[in-house]
Amino acid sequence: MGTGRTLNKAPRTRPIKSQGEKRRRVKAQRARLVKFGMDPAVVAKMIPEKVRVLVQKPARVKKSLAKAAEKAAAKTDAPAE
């Protein structure tokens, strides 16, 4: 089974990614992180590589957010000295 001619026709097989499309993808990924429960201000300051890594593991993000919320709740419940 040969590869044929398709892979030799460069513009047809591998379209060049545009910056506009990249911005659209990053914006959608940031929106996904906000839907998971992350703070929008924190997500806005993240670099795109970090956003991409976090979106790949949504269960890990939700788990870390739950742990942070639990920690914050424990901190507010502690009596002031």
N, C-alpha and C. Protein backbone atom coordinates (compact mmCIF):
# COMPACT_ATOMS: atom_id res chain seq x y z
N MET A 1 0.85 -1.16 0.00
CA MET A 1 0.00 0.00 0.00
C MET A 1 0.90 1.23 0.00
N GLY A 2 0.95 1.95 -1.11
CA GLY A 2 1.80 3.12 -1.22
C GLY A 2 1.12 4.38 -0.71
N THR A 3 1.94 5.42 -0.53
CA THR A 3 1.37 6.68 -0.04
C THR A 3 0.72 7.46 -1.15
N GLY A 4 1.11 7.22 -2.36
CA GLY A 4 0.49 7.91 -3.48
C GLY A 4 0.98 9.34 -3.63
N ARG A 5 0.26 10.11 -4.42
CA ARG A 5 0.68 11.45 -4.78
C ARG A 5 0.20 12.49 -3.78
N THR A 6 -0.77 12.15 -2.99
CA THR A 6 -1.40 13.16 -2.12
C THR A 6 -0.41 13.82 -1.18
N LEU A 7 0.48 13.06 -0.59
CA LEU A 7 1.40 13.64 0.39
C LEU A 7 2.51 14.47 -0.26
N ASN A 8 2.66 14.40 -1.57
CA ASN A 8 3.67 15.20 -2.26
C ASN A 8 3.14 16.57 -2.67
N LYS A 9 1.84 16.77 -2.58
CA LYS A 9 1.25 18.06 -2.94
C LYS A 9 1.10 18.88 -1.66
N ALA A 10 2.14 19.62 -1.32
CA ALA A 10 2.26 20.28 -0.02
C ALA A 10 1.07 21.15 0.39
N PRO A 11 0.63 22.11 -0.40
CA PRO A 11 -0.43 22.97 0.09
C PRO A 11 -1.76 22.25 0.31
N ARG A 12 -1.98 21.17 -0.41
CA ARG A 12 -3.23 20.44 -0.29
C ARG A 12 -3.29 19.63 1.00
N THR A 13 -2.17 19.05 1.40
CA THR A 13 -2.21 18.13 2.51
C THR A 13 -1.93 18.77 3.86
N ARG A 14 -1.11 19.77 3.91
CA ARG A 14 -0.75 20.39 5.18
C ARG A 14 -1.02 21.89 5.11
N PRO A 15 -2.24 22.32 5.37
CA PRO A 15 -2.52 23.75 5.33
C PRO A 15 -1.77 24.49 6.44
N ILE A 16 -1.33 25.68 6.15
CA ILE A 16 -0.59 26.48 7.11
C ILE A 16 -1.56 27.05 8.13
N LYS A 17 -1.20 26.92 9.40
CA LYS A 17 -2.05 27.44 10.47
C LYS A 17 -1.94 28.96 10.53
N SER A 18 -3.06 29.63 10.65
CA SER A 18 -3.04 31.09 10.70
C SER A 18 -3.03 31.56 12.16
N GLN A 19 -2.57 32.77 12.37
CA GLN A 19 -2.55 33.34 13.72
C GLN A 19 -3.95 33.55 14.25
N GLY A 20 -4.87 33.90 13.37
CA GLY A 20 -6.26 34.09 13.79
C GLY A 20 -6.86 32.80 14.33
N GLU A 21 -6.60 31.70 13.65
CA GLU A 21 -7.10 30.41 14.11
C GLU A 21 -6.47 30.04 15.44
N LYS A 22 -5.19 30.34 15.60
CA LYS A 22 -4.50 30.03 16.86
C LYS A 22 -5.13 30.82 18.02
N ARG A 23 -5.40 32.10 17.78
CA ARG A 23 -6.03 32.93 18.82
C ARG A 23 -7.42 32.40 19.17
N ARG A 24 -8.15 31.93 18.15
CA ARG A 24 -9.48 31.39 18.38
C ARG A 24 -9.41 30.13 19.24
N ARG A 25 -8.43 29.26 18.95
CA ARG A 25 -8.28 28.03 19.73
C ARG A 25 -7.90 28.34 21.17
N VAL A 26 -6.96 29.27 21.37
CA VAL A 26 -6.53 29.62 22.73
C VAL A 26 -7.69 30.24 23.51
N LYS A 27 -8.49 31.07 22.83
CA LYS A 27 -9.64 31.69 23.49
C LYS A 27 -10.65 30.62 23.93
N ALA A 28 -10.89 29.63 23.08
CA ALA A 28 -11.81 28.55 23.42
C ALA A 28 -11.27 27.72 24.58
N GLN A 29 -9.95 27.49 24.60
CA GLN A 29 -9.34 26.71 25.67
C GLN A 29 -9.41 27.47 26.99
N ARG A 30 -9.19 28.78 26.95
CA ARG A 30 -9.31 29.59 28.17
C ARG A 30 -10.75 29.55 28.71
N ALA A 31 -11.72 29.63 27.79
CA ALA A 31 -13.12 29.57 28.21
C ALA A 31 -13.43 28.22 28.86
N ARG A 32 -12.82 27.15 28.35
CA ARG A 32 -13.02 25.83 28.93
C ARG A 32 -12.50 25.77 30.36
N LEU A 33 -11.33 26.38 30.59
CA LEU A 33 -10.76 26.40 31.94
C LEU A 33 -11.65 27.17 32.90
N VAL A 34 -12.24 28.26 32.43
CA VAL A 34 -13.14 29.05 33.28
C VAL A 34 -14.38 28.22 33.60
N LYS A 35 -14.86 27.43 32.64
CA LYS A 35 -16.02 26.57 32.89
C LYS A 35 -15.69 25.49 33.91
N PHE A 36 -14.44 25.07 33.97
CA PHE A 36 -14.02 24.07 34.97
C PHE A 36 -14.08 24.66 36.37
N GLY A 37 -14.04 26.00 36.47
CA GLY A 37 -14.12 26.63 37.77
C GLY A 37 -12.92 27.49 38.14
N MET A 38 -12.00 27.66 37.21
CA MET A 38 -10.83 28.49 37.49
C MET A 38 -11.22 29.96 37.44
N ASP A 39 -10.46 30.77 38.15
CA ASP A 39 -10.70 32.21 38.20
C ASP A 39 -10.34 32.82 36.84
N PRO A 40 -11.24 33.59 36.23
CA PRO A 40 -10.94 34.19 34.91
C PRO A 40 -9.71 35.09 34.91
N ALA A 41 -9.44 35.78 36.02
CA ALA A 41 -8.26 36.65 36.07
C ALA A 41 -6.98 35.83 36.04
N VAL A 42 -7.00 34.67 36.69
CA VAL A 42 -5.82 33.79 36.70
C VAL A 42 -5.61 33.19 35.31
N VAL A 43 -6.69 32.77 34.69
CA VAL A 43 -6.60 32.16 33.36
C VAL A 43 -6.11 33.18 32.33
N ALA A 44 -6.53 34.43 32.47
CA ALA A 44 -6.14 35.47 31.52
C ALA A 44 -4.64 35.75 31.55
N LYS A 45 -4.01 35.54 32.70
CA LYS A 45 -2.58 35.80 32.83
C LYS A 45 -1.70 34.62 32.42
N MET A 46 -2.31 33.45 32.19
CA MET A 46 -1.54 32.26 31.83
C MET A 46 -1.00 32.35 30.41
N ILE A 47 0.16 31.71 30.20
CA ILE A 47 0.70 31.63 28.85
C ILE A 47 -0.03 30.51 28.11
N PRO A 48 -0.13 30.60 26.79
CA PRO A 48 -0.91 29.62 26.02
C PRO A 48 -0.45 28.17 26.23
N GLU A 49 0.84 27.94 26.41
CA GLU A 49 1.34 26.58 26.60
C GLU A 49 0.76 25.97 27.88
N LYS A 50 0.71 26.76 28.94
CA LYS A 50 0.17 26.30 30.21
C LYS A 50 -1.33 26.01 30.08
N VAL A 51 -2.03 26.86 29.35
CA VAL A 51 -3.47 26.67 29.13
C VAL A 51 -3.70 25.36 28.40
N ARG A 52 -2.89 25.10 27.36
CA ARG A 52 -3.04 23.89 26.56
C ARG A 52 -2.82 22.64 27.39
N VAL A 53 -1.81 22.67 28.28
CA VAL A 53 -1.52 21.52 29.13
C VAL A 53 -2.67 21.26 30.10
N LEU A 54 -3.22 22.32 30.69
CA LEU A 54 -4.31 22.16 31.65
C LEU A 54 -5.58 21.64 31.00
N VAL A 55 -5.87 22.07 29.79
CA VAL A 55 -7.09 21.64 29.10
C VAL A 55 -7.01 20.15 28.76
N GLN A 56 -5.80 19.64 28.58
CA GLN A 56 -5.64 18.23 28.23
C GLN A 56 -6.03 17.30 29.38
N LYS A 57 -5.96 17.78 30.62
CA LYS A 57 -6.28 16.95 31.78
C LYS A 57 -7.35 17.62 32.64
N PRO A 58 -8.61 17.62 32.20
CA PRO A 58 -9.65 18.32 32.95
C PRO A 58 -9.89 17.73 34.34
N ALA A 59 -9.74 16.43 34.49
CA ALA A 59 -9.96 15.82 35.81
C ALA A 59 -8.93 16.32 36.81
N ARG A 60 -7.70 16.49 36.36
CA ARG A 60 -6.64 16.98 37.23
C ARG A 60 -6.92 18.43 37.65
N VAL A 61 -7.43 19.23 36.73
CA VAL A 61 -7.75 20.63 37.03
C VAL A 61 -8.86 20.70 38.07
N LYS A 62 -9.92 19.91 37.87
CA LYS A 62 -11.05 19.92 38.81
C LYS A 62 -10.61 19.44 40.19
N LYS A 63 -9.73 18.44 40.21
CA LYS A 63 -9.23 17.92 41.48
C LYS A 63 -8.41 18.97 42.22
N SER A 64 -7.56 19.67 41.51
CA SER A 64 -6.73 20.70 42.15
C SER A 64 -7.58 21.87 42.62
N LEU A 65 -8.63 22.22 41.87
CA LEU A 65 -9.54 23.29 42.30
C LEU A 65 -10.31 22.89 43.54
N ALA A 66 -10.72 21.63 43.61
CA ALA A 66 -11.44 21.15 44.79
C ALA A 66 -10.53 21.17 46.01
N LYS A 67 -9.27 20.79 45.80
CA LYS A 67 -8.30 20.80 46.90
C LYS A 67 -8.05 22.23 47.38
N ALA A 68 -7.94 23.18 46.44
CA ALA A 68 -7.71 24.58 46.80
C ALA A 68 -8.92 25.15 47.54
N ALA A 69 -10.12 24.78 47.11
CA ALA A 69 -11.34 25.25 47.77
C ALA A 69 -11.43 24.68 49.19
N GLU A 70 -11.06 23.42 49.32
CA GLU A 70 -11.07 22.78 50.64
C GLU A 70 -10.07 23.45 51.58
N LYS A 71 -8.91 23.77 51.05
CA LYS A 71 -7.87 24.43 51.83
C LYS A 71 -8.31 25.83 52.26
N ALA A 72 -8.97 26.55 51.35
CA ALA A 72 -9.46 27.89 51.66
C ALA A 72 -10.57 27.84 52.70
N ALA A 73 -11.42 26.84 52.59
CA ALA A 73 -12.51 26.68 53.57
C ALA A 73 -11.95 26.36 54.95
N ALA A 74 -10.92 25.53 55.00
CA ALA A 74 -10.30 25.19 56.28
C ALA A 74 -9.62 26.40 56.89
N LYS A 75 -9.07 27.24 56.04
CA LYS A 75 -8.38 28.44 56.52
C LYS A 75 -9.37 29.44 57.13
N THR A 76 -10.54 29.58 56.52
CA THR A 76 -11.54 30.52 57.04
C THR A 76 -12.24 29.97 58.29
N ASP A 77 -12.30 28.65 58.42
CA ASP A 77 -12.94 28.04 59.59
C ASP A 77 -12.03 28.04 60.81
N ALA A 78 -10.72 28.22 60.60
CA ALA A 78 -9.78 28.21 61.72
C ALA A 78 -10.01 29.44 62.61
N PRO A 79 -9.97 29.26 63.93
CA PRO A 79 -10.18 30.41 64.83
C PRO A 79 -9.01 31.40 64.74
N ALA A 80 -9.32 32.66 64.79
CA ALA A 80 -8.29 33.71 64.75
C ALA A 80 -7.60 33.80 66.10
N GLU A 81 -6.30 33.90 66.08
CA GLU A 81 -5.54 34.00 67.34
C GLU A 81 -5.13 35.41 67.62
